[in-house]
C-alpha atoms as a PDB file:
ATOM      1  CA  MET A   1       0.000   0.000   0.000  1.00  0.00           C
ATOM      2  CA  TYR A   2       1.256   3.457  -0.872  1.00  0.00           C
ATOM      3  CA  ARG A   3       2.223   5.710   2.013  1.00  0.00           C
ATOM      4  CA  PRO A   4       2.896   9.424   1.472  1.00  0.00           C
ATOM      5  CA  SER A   5       6.475  10.401   2.209  1.00  0.00           C
ATOM      6  CA  TYR A   6       7.332  12.678   5.066  1.00  0.00           C
ATOM      7  CA  ASP A   7       9.609  15.655   4.537  1.00  0.00           C
ATOM      8  CA  PRO A   8      11.245  16.933   7.766  1.00  0.00           C
ATOM      9  CA  ASP A   9      11.176  20.427   6.346  1.00  0.00           C
ATOM     10  CA  ASP A  10       7.414  20.371   6.060  1.00  0.00           C
ATOM     11  CA  SER A  11       5.633  22.110   8.915  1.00  0.00           C
ATOM     12  CA  ILE A  12       2.623  19.742   8.797  1.00  0.00           C
ATOM     13  CA  MET A  13       2.778  15.953   8.814  1.00  0.00           C
ATOM     14  CA  PRO A  14       0.504  14.452   6.165  1.00  0.00           C
ATOM     15  CA  GLU A  15      -2.351  12.261   7.479  1.00  0.00           C
ATOM     16  CA  ASP A  16      -1.655   8.550   7.566  1.00  0.00           C
ATOM     17  CA  LEU A  17      -4.790   6.959   6.111  1.00  0.00           C
ATOM     18  CA  TYR A  18      -3.595   3.490   6.996  1.00  0.00           C
ATOM     19  CA  GLN A  19      -4.038   3.954  10.746  1.00  0.00           C
ATOM     20  CA  PRO A  20      -7.661   3.825  12.001  1.00  0.00           C
ATOM     21  CA  HIS A  21      -8.961   6.644  14.178  1.00  0.00           C
ATOM     22  CA  LEU A  22      -9.320   5.715  17.822  1.00  0.00           C
ATOM     23  CA  SER A  23     -12.540   6.786  19.472  1.00  0.00           C
ATOM     24  CA  THR A  24     -14.757   6.089  22.426  1.00  0.00           C
ATOM     25  CA  PHE A  25     -18.463   5.653  21.767  1.00  0.00           C
ATOM     26  CA  ASP A  26     -20.417   8.507  23.287  1.00  0.00           C
ATOM     27  CA  ALA A  27     -23.852   7.122  22.531  1.00  0.00           C
ATOM     28  CA  ILE A  28     -25.395   3.742  22.084  1.00  0.00           C
ATOM     29  CA  GLY A  29     -24.464   2.413  18.677  1.00  0.00           C
ATOM     30  CA  GLY A  30     -21.140   4.314  18.518  1.00  0.00           C
ATOM     31  CA  GLN A  31     -17.806   2.733  17.614  1.00  0.00           C
ATOM     32  CA  PRO A  32     -15.990   0.925  20.443  1.00  0.00           C
ATOM     33  CA  GLU A  33     -12.395   1.558  21.278  1.00  0.00           C
ATOM     34  CA  MET A  34      -9.924  -0.369  19.094  1.00  0.00           C
ATOM     35  CA  ILE A  35      -7.586  -2.431  21.245  1.00  0.00           C
ATOM     36  CA  ASP A  36      -5.434  -5.485  20.801  1.00  0.00           C
ATOM     37  CA  ARG A  37      -7.150  -8.721  21.851  1.00  0.00           C
ATOM     38  CA  HIS A  38      -5.362 -11.897  22.876  1.00  0.00           C
ATOM     39  CA  PRO A  39      -6.384 -14.788  20.569  1.00  0.00           C
ATOM     40  CA  GLY A  40      -7.280 -16.996  23.544  1.00  0.00           C
ATOM     41  CA  PHE A  41      -9.089 -14.217  25.453  1.00  0.00           C
ATOM     42  CA  PRO A  42     -11.215 -12.048  23.118  1.00  0.00           C
ATOM     43  CA  TYR A  43     -12.493  -9.684  25.830  1.00  0.00           C
ATOM     44  CA  LYS A  44     -11.016  -6.388  26.937  1.00  0.00           C
ATOM     45  CA  ASN A  45     -10.956  -7.472  30.574  1.00  0.00           C
ATOM     46  CA  LYS A  46     -12.632  -9.793  33.066  1.00  0.00           C
ATOM     47  CA  THR A  47     -15.508  -7.391  33.703  1.00  0.00           C
ATOM     48  CA  VAL A  48     -16.454  -7.299  30.027  1.00  0.00           C
ATOM     49  CA  GLN A  49     -16.167 -11.082  29.902  1.00  0.00           C
ATOM     50  CA  LEU A  50     -18.671 -11.463  32.764  1.00  0.00           C
ATOM     51  CA  ILE A  51     -21.132  -9.075  31.128  1.00  0.00           C
ATOM     52  CA  MET A  52     -20.960 -10.834  27.761  1.00  0.00           C
ATOM     53  CA  GLU A  53     -21.260 -14.285  29.290  1.00  0.00           C
ATOM     54  CA  TRP A  54     -24.356 -13.108  31.176  1.00  0.00           C
ATOM     55  CA  GLN A  55     -25.887 -11.885  27.908  1.00  0.00           C
ATOM     56  CA  ASN A  56     -25.232 -15.145  26.093  1.00  0.00           C
ATOM     57  CA  THR A  57     -26.664 -17.427  28.780  1.00  0.00           C
ATOM     58  CA  GLY A  58     -30.166 -17.836  30.178  1.00  0.00           C
ATOM     59  CA  SER A  59     -32.901 -15.903  28.383  1.00  0.00           C
ATOM     60  CA  PRO A  60     -32.297 -15.310  24.644  1.00  0.00           C
ATOM     61  CA  ASN A  61     -34.103 -11.940  24.799  1.00  0.00           C
ATOM     62  CA  LYS A  62     -31.116  -9.895  26.012  1.00  0.00           C
ATOM     63  CA  SER A  63     -30.229  -7.818  22.959  1.00  0.00           C
ATOM     64  CA  ASN A  64     -26.995  -5.911  22.442  1.00  0.00           C
ATOM     65  CA  GLU A  65     -28.822  -2.618  22.970  1.00  0.00           C
ATOM     66  CA  GLU A  66     -30.306  -3.754  26.290  1.00  0.00           C
ATOM     67  CA  VAL A  67     -26.985  -5.056  27.592  1.00  0.00           C
ATOM     68  CA  THR A  68     -25.291  -1.795  26.611  1.00  0.00           C
ATOM     69  CA  ARG A  69     -28.071   0.135  28.375  1.00  0.00           C
ATOM     70  CA  LEU A  70     -27.613  -2.028  31.465  1.00  0.00           C
ATOM     71  CA  VAL A  71     -23.958  -1.073  31.649  1.00  0.00           C
ATOM     72  CA  ARG A  72     -24.364   2.627  30.898  1.00  0.00           C
ATOM     73  CA  ASP A  73     -27.593   3.425  32.752  1.00  0.00           C
ATOM     74  CA  VAL A  74     -27.134   1.103  35.722  1.00  0.00           C
ATOM     75  CA  VAL A  75     -23.582  -0.102  36.312  1.00  0.00           C
ATOM     76  CA  LEU A  76     -21.996   3.247  35.421  1.00  0.00           C
ATOM     77  CA  HIS A  77     -24.622   5.308  37.245  1.00  0.00           C
ATOM     78  CA  HIS A  78     -23.126   7.521  39.949  1.00  0.00           C
ATOM     79  CA  ASP A  79     -25.533   6.066  42.549  1.00  0.00           C
ATOM     80  CA  PHE A  80     -24.693   2.453  41.737  1.00  0.00           C
ATOM     81  CA  SER A  81     -22.912   0.555  44.524  1.00  0.00           C
ATOM     82  CA  VAL A  82     -21.793  -3.061  44.403  1.00  0.00           C
ATOM     83  CA  ASP A  83     -22.000  -3.326  48.179  1.00  0.00           C
ATOM     84  CA  ASP A  84     -25.763  -2.743  48.032  1.00  0.00           C
ATOM     85  CA  LEU A  85     -26.218  -5.969  46.046  1.00  0.00           C
ATOM     86  CA  LEU A  86     -24.645  -8.397  48.509  1.00  0.00           C
ATOM     87  CA  SER A  87     -28.056  -9.785  49.600  1.00  0.00           C
ATOM     88  CA  PHE A  88     -29.960  -8.986  46.376  1.00  0.00           C
ATOM     89  CA  ASN A  89     -32.844 -11.254  45.331  1.00  0.00           C
ATOM     90  CA  ALA A  90     -35.051 -10.177  42.409  1.00  0.00           C
ATOM     91  CA  THR A  91     -38.101 -12.186  43.527  1.00  0.00           C
ATOM     92  CA  HIS A  92     -38.000 -10.632  46.984  1.00  0.00           C
ATOM     93  CA  GLU A  93     -37.558  -7.090  45.629  1.00  0.00           C
ATOM     94  CA  ASN A  94     -40.469  -7.478  43.199  1.00  0.00           C
ATOM     95  CA  ARG A  95     -42.719  -8.746  45.982  1.00  0.00           C
ATOM     96  CA  ILE A  96     -41.851  -5.788  48.197  1.00  0.00           C
ATOM     97  CA  ALA A  97     -42.513  -3.374  45.323  1.00  0.00           C
ATOM     98  CA  ASP A  98     -45.894  -4.998  44.630  1.00  0.00           C
ATOM     99  CA  GLU A  99     -46.948  -4.701  48.266  1.00  0.00           C
ATOM    100  CA  ALA A 100     -45.859  -1.065  48.433  1.00  0.00           C
ATOM    101  CA  GLU A 101     -47.788  -0.093  45.323  1.00  0.00           C
ATOM    102  CA  GLN A 102     -51.011   1.643  46.271  1.00  0.00           C
ATOM    103  CA  SER A 103     -53.669   1.562  43.569  1.00  0.00           C
ATOM    104  CA  THR A 104     -56.035   4.492  43.404  1.00  0.00           C
ATOM    105  CA  PHE A 105     -59.636   4.101  42.294  1.00  0.00           C
ATOM    106  CA  PRO A 106     -62.359   6.637  41.517  1.00  0.00           C
ATOM    107  CA  GLN A 107     -64.609   7.648  44.385  1.00  0.00           C
ATOM    108  CA  ASP A 108     -67.516   5.512  43.172  1.00  0.00           C
ATOM    109  CA  PHE A 109     -65.508   2.333  43.843  1.00  0.00           C
ATOM    110  CA  GLN A 110     -66.164   0.515  47.098  1.00  0.00           C
ATOM    111  CA  GLN A 111     -63.908  -1.964  48.872  1.00  0.00           C
ATOM    112  CA  ILE A 112     -65.124  -4.746  51.150  1.00  0.00           C
ATOM    113  CA  SER A 113     -64.006  -8.137  52.432  1.00  0.00           C
ATOM    114  CA  MET A 114     -65.554 -11.299  51.035  1.00  0.00           C
ATOM    115  CA  ASN A 115     -66.488 -14.234  53.271  1.00  0.00           C
ATOM    116  CA  ILE A 116     -66.482 -17.781  51.933  1.00  0.00           C
ATOM    117  CA  GLU A 117     -67.134 -21.076  53.668  1.00  0.00           C
ATOM    118  CA  VAL A 118     -64.276 -23.578  53.601  1.00  0.00           C
ATOM    119  CA  PRO A 119     -64.939 -27.214  54.569  1.00  0.00           C
ATOM    120  CA  SER A 120     -62.600 -28.846  57.061  1.00  0.00           C
ATOM    121  CA  GLY A 121     -62.189 -32.105  55.178  1.00  0.00           C
ATOM    122  CA  THR A 122     -63.794 -34.155  57.963  1.00  0.00           C
ATOM    123  CA  LYS A 123     -67.307 -34.415  59.367  1.00  0.00           C
ATOM    124  CA  ASP A 124     -65.969 -34.065  62.901  1.00  0.00           C
ATOM    125  CA  ILE A 125     -64.951 -30.419  62.353  1.00  0.00           C
ATOM    126  CA  LEU A 126     -67.379 -27.743  61.207  1.00  0.00           C
ATOM    127  CA  PRO A 127     -66.616 -25.590  58.135  1.00  0.00           C
ATOM    128  CA  LYS A 128     -64.817 -22.304  58.684  1.00  0.00           C
ATOM    129  CA  MET A 129     -65.669 -18.849  57.354  1.00  0.00           C
ATOM    130  CA  LEU A 130     -62.654 -17.362  55.591  1.00  0.00           C
ATOM    131  CA  SER A 131     -62.411 -13.587  55.115  1.00  0.00           C
ATOM    132  CA  ILE A 132     -60.749 -12.380  51.887  1.00  0.00           C
ATOM    133  CA  PRO A 133     -60.054  -8.621  51.964  1.00  0.00           C
ATOM    134  CA  GLY A 134     -59.676  -6.220  49.074  1.00  0.00           C
ATOM    135  CA  PHE A 135     -62.695  -6.773  46.814  1.00  0.00           C
ATOM    136  CA  THR A 136     -63.064  -3.470  44.932  1.00  0.00           C
ATOM    137  CA  PHE A 137     -66.205  -2.857  42.861  1.00  0.00           C
ATOM    138  CA  ARG A 138     -68.738  -0.393  41.483  1.00  0.00           C
ATOM    139  CA  LYS A 139     -72.529  -0.681  41.492  1.00  0.00           C
ATOM    140  CA  LEU A 140     -73.858  -1.920  38.156  1.00  0.00           C
ATOM    141  CA  THR A 141     -76.940   0.302  38.298  1.00  0.00           C
ATOM    142  CA  SER A 142     -74.731   3.381  38.735  1.00  0.00           C
ATOM    143  CA  LEU A 143     -72.657   2.403  35.691  1.00  0.00           C
ATOM    144  CA  ILE A 144     -75.765   1.814  33.582  1.00  0.00           C
ATOM    145  CA  ARG A 145     -77.301   5.144  34.564  1.00  0.00           C
ATOM    146  CA  GLU A 146     -73.979   6.927  33.955  1.00  0.00           C
ATOM    147  CA  GLU A 147     -73.672   5.476  30.446  1.00  0.00           C
ATOM    148  CA  PHE A 148     -77.220   6.324  29.382  1.00  0.00           C
ATOM    149  CA  GLU A 149     -76.931   9.844  30.746  1.00  0.00           C
ATOM    150  CA  GLY A 150     -73.486  10.412  29.212  1.00  0.00           C
ATOM    151  CA  PRO A 151     -72.326  11.222  25.672  1.00  0.00           C
ATOM    152  CA  MET A 152     -71.837   7.538  24.749  1.00  0.00           C
ATOM    153  CA  PHE A 153     -75.638   7.196  24.688  1.00  0.00           C
ATOM    154  CA  LEU A 154     -75.745   9.026  21.350  1.00  0.00           C
ATOM    155  CA  LYS A 155     -74.091   5.942  19.780  1.00  0.00           C
ATOM    156  CA  PHE A 156     -76.577   3.466  21.283  1.00  0.00           C
ATOM    157  CA  HIS A 157     -78.945   1.230  19.316  1.00  0.00           C
ATOM    158  CA  LEU A 158     -82.152   1.262  21.387  1.00  0.00           C
ATOM    159  CA  SER A 159     -84.439  -0.480  18.911  1.00  0.00           C
ATOM    160  CA  PRO A 160     -83.481  -3.868  17.436  1.00  0.00           C
ATOM    161  CA  PHE A 161     -83.344  -4.378  13.696  1.00  0.00           C
ATOM    162  CA  LYS A 162     -82.444  -6.905  11.037  1.00  0.00           C
ATOM    163  CA  LEU A 163     -79.832  -6.536   8.332  1.00  0.00           C
ATOM    164  CA  PHE A 164     -80.250  -8.030   4.883  1.00  0.00           C
ATOM    165  CA  ARG A 165     -78.003  -8.242   1.876  1.00  0.00           C
ATOM    166  CA  LYS A 166     -79.660  -8.010  -1.496  1.00  0.00           C
ATOM    167  CA  LEU A 167     -78.101 -10.547  -3.830  1.00  0.00           C
ATOM    168  CA  SER A 168     -77.766  -9.627  -7.459  1.00  0.00           C
ATOM    169  CA  GLY A 169     -79.874 -11.818  -9.683  1.00  0.00           C
ATOM    170  CA  GLY A 170     -81.628 -13.413  -6.722  1.00  0.00           C
ATOM    171  CA  ASN A 171     -85.192 -13.195  -5.562  1.00  0.00           C
ATOM    172  CA  GLU A 172     -84.439 -13.662  -1.857  1.00  0.00           C
ATOM    173  CA  ASP A 173     -82.434 -11.356   0.418  1.00  0.00           C
ATOM    174  CA  LYS A 174     -79.816 -12.899   2.718  1.00  0.00           C
ATOM    175  CA  ARG A 175     -79.867 -12.175   6.473  1.00  0.00           C
ATOM    176  CA  VAL A 176     -76.644 -10.632   7.784  1.00  0.00           C
ATOM    177  CA  TYR A 177     -75.537 -10.822  11.432  1.00  0.00           C
ATOM    178  CA  SER A 178     -73.105  -8.154  12.603  1.00  0.00           C
ATOM    179  CA  ASP A 179     -73.793  -7.142  16.223  1.00  0.00           C
ATOM    180  CA  ILE A 180     -75.940  -8.257  19.128  1.00  0.00           C
ATOM    181  CA  SER A 181     -78.255  -5.331  18.381  1.00  0.00           C
ATOM    182  CA  ASP A 182     -79.306  -7.007  15.087  1.00  0.00           C
ATOM    183  CA  SER A 183     -79.521 -10.520  16.535  1.00  0.00           C
ATOM    184  CA  ASP A 184     -82.671 -12.535  17.175  1.00  0.00           C
ATOM    185  CA  VAL A 185     -81.944 -12.715  20.910  1.00  0.00           C
ATOM    186  CA  PHE A 186     -81.891  -8.914  21.158  1.00  0.00           C
ATOM    187  CA  ILE A 187     -85.146  -8.671  19.201  1.00  0.00           C
ATOM    188  CA  ASP A 188     -86.826 -11.246  21.459  1.00  0.00           C
ATOM    189  CA  GLU A 189     -85.616  -9.543  24.646  1.00  0.00           C
ATOM    190  CA  HIS A 190     -86.783  -6.152  23.382  1.00  0.00           C
ATOM    191  CA  ASP A 191     -90.250  -7.583  22.777  1.00  0.00           C
ATOM    192  CA  LYS A 192     -90.356  -9.118  26.275  1.00  0.00           C
ATOM    193  CA  VAL A 193     -89.313  -5.829  27.874  1.00  0.00           C
ATOM    194  CA  GLN A 194     -92.270  -4.042  26.250  1.00  0.00           C
ATOM    195  CA  ARG A 195     -94.540  -6.290  28.349  1.00  0.00           C
ATOM    196  CA  ALA A 196     -92.398  -6.117  31.503  1.00  0.00           C
ATOM    197  CA  PRO A 197     -93.848  -4.548  34.694  1.00  0.00           C
ATOM    198  CA  THR A 198     -92.823  -1.054  35.726  1.00  0.00           C
ATOM    199  CA  GLY A 199     -93.889  -0.894  39.364  1.00  0.00           C
ATOM    200  CA  ASP A 200     -95.644   2.351  38.433  1.00  0.00           C
ATOM    201  CA  ARG A 201     -99.037   2.139  36.727  1.00  0.00           C
ATOM    202  CA  THR A 202     -98.833   5.735  35.567  1.00  0.00           C
ATOM    203  CA  CYS A 203     -95.440   5.310  33.832  1.00  0.00           C
ATOM    204  CA  LYS A 204     -95.614   6.007  30.087  1.00  0.00           C
ATOM    205  CA  ARG A 205     -91.886   6.123  29.451  1.00  0.00           C
ATOM    206  CA  LYS A 206     -90.365   4.197  26.571  1.00  0.00           C
ATOM    207  CA  LYS A 207     -88.873   0.859  27.591  1.00  0.00           C
ATOM    208  CA  VAL A 208     -85.399  -0.023  26.302  1.00  0.00           C
ATOM    209  CA  VAL A 209     -82.856  -2.787  26.876  1.00  0.00           C
ATOM    210  CA  ALA A 210     -79.391  -2.218  28.306  1.00  0.00           C
ATOM    211  CA  ALA A 211     -77.568  -5.123  26.647  1.00  0.00           C
ATOM    212  CA  LEU A 212     -74.665  -5.996  28.956  1.00  0.00           C
ATOM    213  CA  MET A 213     -71.545  -7.982  28.141  1.00  0.00           C
ATOM    214  CA  PHE A 214     -69.093  -8.996  30.873  1.00  0.00           C
ATOM    215  CA  TRP A 215     -65.500 -10.160  30.680  1.00  0.00           C
ATOM    216  CA  SER A 216     -63.006 -11.159  33.364  1.00  0.00           C
ATOM    217  CA  ASP A 217     -59.459 -12.479  33.215  1.00  0.00           C
ATOM    218  CA  ALA A 218     -56.386 -12.367  35.446  1.00  0.00           C
ATOM    219  CA  THR A 219     -53.974  -9.763  34.029  1.00  0.00           C
ATOM    220  CA  HIS A 220     -50.265  -9.152  34.638  1.00  0.00           C
ATOM    221  CA  LEU A 221     -49.561  -5.446  35.063  1.00  0.00           C
ATOM    222  CA  ALA A 222     -45.974  -5.500  33.787  1.00  0.00           C
ATOM    223  CA  THR A 223     -43.579  -7.629  31.789  1.00  0.00           C
ATOM    224  CA  PHE A 224     -41.267  -7.819  34.784  1.00  0.00           C
ATOM    225  CA  GLY A 225     -42.448  -8.418  38.320  1.00  0.00           C
ATOM    226  CA  THR A 226     -45.279 -10.357  39.896  1.00  0.00           C
ATOM    227  CA  ALA A 227     -47.922  -7.610  40.139  1.00  0.00           C
ATOM    228  CA  LYS A 228     -51.240  -8.683  38.636  1.00  0.00           C
ATOM    229  CA  MET A 229     -54.938  -7.957  38.891  1.00  0.00           C
ATOM    230  CA  TRP A 230     -58.090  -9.902  38.167  1.00  0.00           C
ATOM    231  CA  PRO A 231     -60.556  -7.343  36.754  1.00  0.00           C
ATOM    232  CA  ILE A 232     -64.168  -7.634  35.646  1.00  0.00           C
ATOM    233  CA  TYR A 233     -65.157  -5.411  32.707  1.00  0.00           C
ATOM    234  CA  MET A 234     -68.552  -4.485  31.339  1.00  0.00           C
ATOM    235  CA  LEU A 235     -69.505  -3.333  27.836  1.00  0.00           C
ATOM    236  CA  PHE A 236     -72.822  -2.381  26.254  1.00  0.00           C
ATOM    237  CA  SER A 237     -73.699  -4.313  23.116  1.00  0.00           C
ATOM    238  CA  ASN A 238     -76.082  -1.466  22.255  1.00  0.00           C
ATOM    239  CA  ILE A 239     -72.894   0.061  20.844  1.00  0.00           C
ATOM    240  CA  SER A 240     -71.380  -1.189  17.606  1.00  0.00           C
ATOM    241  CA  LYS A 241     -68.508  -3.634  18.034  1.00  0.00           C
ATOM    242  CA  TYR A 242     -66.389  -1.344  15.856  1.00  0.00           C
ATOM    243  CA  GLU A 243     -66.832   1.436  18.401  1.00  0.00           C
ATOM    244  CA  CYS A 244     -66.174  -0.881  21.360  1.00  0.00           C
ATOM    245  CA  CYS A 245     -62.887  -2.028  19.834  1.00  0.00           C
ATOM    246  CA  LYS A 246     -61.447   1.485  19.694  1.00  0.00           C
ATOM    247  CA  PRO A 247     -58.845   1.821  22.488  1.00  0.00           C
ATOM    248  CA  ASN A 248     -59.901   5.365  23.399  1.00  0.00           C
ATOM    249  CA  SER A 249     -63.660   5.014  22.959  1.00  0.00           C
ATOM    250  CA  GLY A 250     -64.360   4.631  26.681  1.00  0.00           C
ATOM    251  CA  ALA A 251     -66.859   1.870  25.945  1.00  0.00           C
ATOM    252  CA  THR A 252     -65.238  -0.612  28.345  1.00  0.00           C
ATOM    253  CA  LYS A 253     -66.205  -0.068  31.970  1.00  0.00           C
ATOM    254  CA  HIS A 254     -64.214  -1.315  34.948  1.00  0.00           C
ATOM    255  CA  VAL A 255     -66.683  -3.043  37.257  1.00  0.00           C
ATOM    256  CA  ALA A 256     -64.595  -4.853  39.859  1.00  0.00           C
ATOM    257  CA  TYR A 257     -61.187  -6.213  40.851  1.00  0.00           C
ATOM    258  CA  ILE A 258     -61.216  -9.732  42.290  1.00  0.00           C
ATOM    259  CA  PRO A 259     -58.823 -10.170  45.229  1.00  0.00           C
ATOM    260  CA  GLU A 260     -56.015 -12.702  45.107  1.00  0.00           C
ATOM    261  CA  PHE A 261     -55.464 -15.435  47.666  1.00  0.00           C
ATOM    262  CA  SER A 262     -52.484 -14.232  49.693  1.00  0.00           C
ATOM    263  CA  ASP A 263     -49.863 -16.473  51.284  1.00  0.00           C
ATOM    264  CA  SER A 264     -51.396 -15.796  54.693  1.00  0.00           C
ATOM    265  CA  LEU A 265     -54.758 -17.118  53.460  1.00  0.00           C
ATOM    266  CA  HIS A 266     -53.040 -20.227  52.116  1.00  0.00           C
ATOM    267  CA  ASN A 267     -51.432 -20.778  55.503  1.00  0.00           C
ATOM    268  CA  GLU A 268     -54.745 -20.266  57.276  1.00  0.00           C
ATOM    269  CA  ILE A 269     -56.438 -22.919  55.125  1.00  0.00           C
ATOM    270  CA  LYS A 270     -53.461 -25.222  55.519  1.00  0.00           C
ATOM    271  CA  GLU A 271     -53.675 -25.096  59.302  1.00  0.00           C
ATOM    272  CA  PHE A 272     -57.428 -25.702  59.237  1.00  0.00           C
ATOM    273  CA  HIS A 273     -57.993 -28.294  56.496  1.00  0.00           C
ATOM    274  CA  VAL A 274     -56.907 -31.827  57.416  1.00  0.00           C
ATOM    275  CA  LYS A 275     -56.354 -32.870  53.762  1.00  0.00           C
ATOM    276  CA  TRP A 276     -54.377 -29.824  52.589  1.00  0.00           C
ATOM    277  CA  ASP A 277     -51.186 -31.776  51.867  1.00  0.00           C
ATOM    278  CA  THR A 278     -52.873 -34.163  49.427  1.00  0.00           C
ATOM    279  CA  GLN A 279     -55.784 -32.066  48.082  1.00  0.00           C
ATOM    280  CA  HIS A 280     -54.616 -28.443  48.180  1.00  0.00           C
ATOM    281  CA  ARG A 281     -55.343 -27.900  44.473  1.00  0.00           C
ATOM    282  CA  ASP A 282     -58.939 -29.058  44.823  1.00  0.00           C
ATOM    283  CA  ILE A 283     -59.336 -27.008  47.996  1.00  0.00           C
ATOM    284  CA  LEU A 284     -58.140 -23.819  46.277  1.00  0.00           C
ATOM    285  CA  THR A 285     -60.417 -24.549  43.320  1.00  0.00           C
ATOM    286  CA  HIS A 286     -63.342 -24.766  45.708  1.00  0.00           C
ATOM    287  CA  CYS A 287     -62.329 -21.502  47.417  1.00  0.00           C
ATOM    288  CA  ARG A 288     -62.011 -19.593  44.155  1.00  0.00           C
ATOM    289  CA  ARG A 289     -65.351 -20.918  42.951  1.00  0.00           C
ATOM    290  CA  GLU A 290     -67.004 -19.830  46.179  1.00  0.00           C
ATOM    291  CA  LEU A 291     -65.305 -16.451  45.875  1.00  0.00           C
ATOM    292  CA  MET A 292     -66.695 -15.938  42.354  1.00  0.00           C
ATOM    293  CA  HIS A 293     -70.216 -16.827  43.525  1.00  0.00           C
ATOM    294  CA  SER A 294     -69.899 -14.415  46.453  1.00  0.00           C
ATOM    295  CA  ILE A 295     -68.637 -11.641  44.173  1.00  0.00           C
ATOM    296  CA  TRP A 296     -71.539 -11.952  41.758  1.00  0.00           C
ATOM    297  CA  LYS A 297     -73.941 -12.029  44.673  1.00  0.00           C
ATOM    298  CA  VAL A 298     -72.574  -8.600  45.609  1.00  0.00           C
ATOM    299  CA  LEU A 299     -72.625  -7.251  42.036  1.00  0.00           C
ATOM    300  CA  LEU A 300     -76.145  -8.497  41.339  1.00  0.00           C
ATOM    301  CA  ASP A 301     -77.472  -6.645  44.368  1.00  0.00           C
ATOM    302  CA  ASP A 302     -81.052  -5.712  45.231  1.00  0.00           C
ATOM    303  CA  ASP A 303     -80.886  -2.526  43.133  1.00  0.00           C
ATOM    304  CA  PHE A 304     -79.827  -4.479  40.062  1.00  0.00           C
ATOM    305  CA  ILE A 305     -82.499  -7.160  40.605  1.00  0.00           C
ATOM    306  CA  ARG A 306     -85.160  -4.472  40.951  1.00  0.00           C
ATOM    307  CA  ALA A 307     -83.913  -2.735  37.789  1.00  0.00           C
ATOM    308  CA  TYR A 308     -83.917  -6.108  35.994  1.00  0.00           C
ATOM    309  CA  GLU A 309     -87.545  -6.686  36.941  1.00  0.00           C
ATOM    310  CA  PHE A 310     -89.066  -3.196  36.866  1.00  0.00           C
ATOM    311  CA  GLY A 311     -86.450  -1.133  35.012  1.00  0.00           C
ATOM    312  CA  LEU A 312     -84.633   1.974  36.192  1.00  0.00           C
ATOM    313  CA  VAL A 313     -85.536   5.477  35.086  1.00  0.00           C
ATOM    314  CA  ALA A 314     -82.829   7.718  33.675  1.00  0.00           C
ATOM    315  CA  ARG A 315     -82.825  11.004  31.792  1.00  0.00           C
ATOM    316  CA  CYS A 316     -80.758  10.095  28.747  1.00  0.00           C
ATOM    317  CA  GLN A 317     -78.268  12.323  26.972  1.00  0.00           C
ATOM    318  CA  ASP A 318     -80.965  13.490  24.529  1.00  0.00           C
ATOM    319  CA  GLY A 319     -83.032  14.845  27.431  1.00  0.00           C
ATOM    320  CA  ILE A 320     -85.730  12.130  27.284  1.00  0.00           C
ATOM    321  CA  GLU A 321     -86.517   9.948  30.283  1.00  0.00           C
ATOM    322  CA  ARG A 322     -86.593   6.225  29.549  1.00  0.00           C
ATOM    323  CA  ARG A 323     -87.127   3.076  31.568  1.00  0.00           C
ATOM    324  CA  ILE A 324     -84.050   0.890  31.176  1.00  0.00           C
ATOM    325  CA  TYR A 325     -84.054  -2.873  31.689  1.00  0.00           C
ATOM    326  CA  PRO A 326     -80.570  -4.388  32.096  1.00  0.00           C
ATOM    327  CA  ARG A 327     -80.079  -7.779  30.473  1.00  0.00           C
ATOM    328  CA  ILE A 328     -76.899  -9.879  30.496  1.00  0.00           C
ATOM    329  CA  PHE A 329     -76.189 -11.213  27.002  1.00  0.00           C
ATOM    330  CA  THR A 330     -72.637 -12.568  27.262  1.00  0.00           C
ATOM    331  CA  TYR A 331     -70.051 -13.363  29.920  1.00  0.00           C
ATOM    332  CA  SER A 332     -66.560 -14.319  28.768  1.00  0.00           C
ATOM    333  CA  ALA A 333     -64.294 -15.452  31.590  1.00  0.00           C
ATOM    334  CA  ASP A 334     -61.081 -17.327  32.200  1.00  0.00           C
ATOM    335  CA  TYR A 335     -61.095 -20.109  34.794  1.00  0.00           C
ATOM    336  CA  PRO A 336     -57.756 -19.730  36.619  1.00  0.00           C
ATOM    337  CA  GLU A 337     -57.775 -23.263  38.066  1.00  0.00           C
ATOM    338  CA  LYS A 338     -57.633 -24.678  34.541  1.00  0.00           C
END
């Protein structure tokens, strides 16, 4: 390769293009420092070796960018101290963080303890009432009234209908099913509601159906950590499914948050039930089933049952008072024991 000659009389040395420029990378993705590596030891030093071996073992999801961020944002942080990690345990730290996290709910949420009956496993010992704290919920009648009185009402289908597709060259139209509001079950329920009692002989208000859909499933709150919740949601099938699917539509209503069985509750059952060691899975299945029944007994309270039978009166967003009859059309739920 040609190298430019150097004249001692010249005041400026010409640039040697053969030698690479040394640099330190100032941002993620920059060029690392060029150093000589021993053929049998390809790493700069033992620290780098430990970092790279950590990346290439265990989970395959540790990308180069994440490992670089770990070093720069954590290890090189001015507050980072190795001495603070002598007794570090990720599981323990995540549990402490979960317990310290305080969830805030709107004022219309209530929180109570649920009581379930747990058998002892023998006829010689009576069943025991177990208290499960932390059931957070909202009244269904309040949510229904809020939705009919709010702006979402303007997107409601109050009267059922049928959709047909006219086929070219055919004499008969084809029925099309798109939403619950154009289904036969909605039409039948609407007809039944027109003959439903009102509890008020003088009431001349129009009767409409609040078509409710429920969904519940245990949900992890973060990719890392153990924090999770078990919510119950409610939607109105009076609204088009295309509107309900929009993330920012506000069509999905948070109804309740089912409490988890804590370790202390497990220990309490263990000390009480004589067959815990051999049947603990079946015992927990029973407890969760009883908890779900107790929760729905609270949600389907006297106000909801009265509204189901006689309707509830609300002044809708358009200024007209209507008598609303809630009806449950679907309930999609995960069964955690499975």
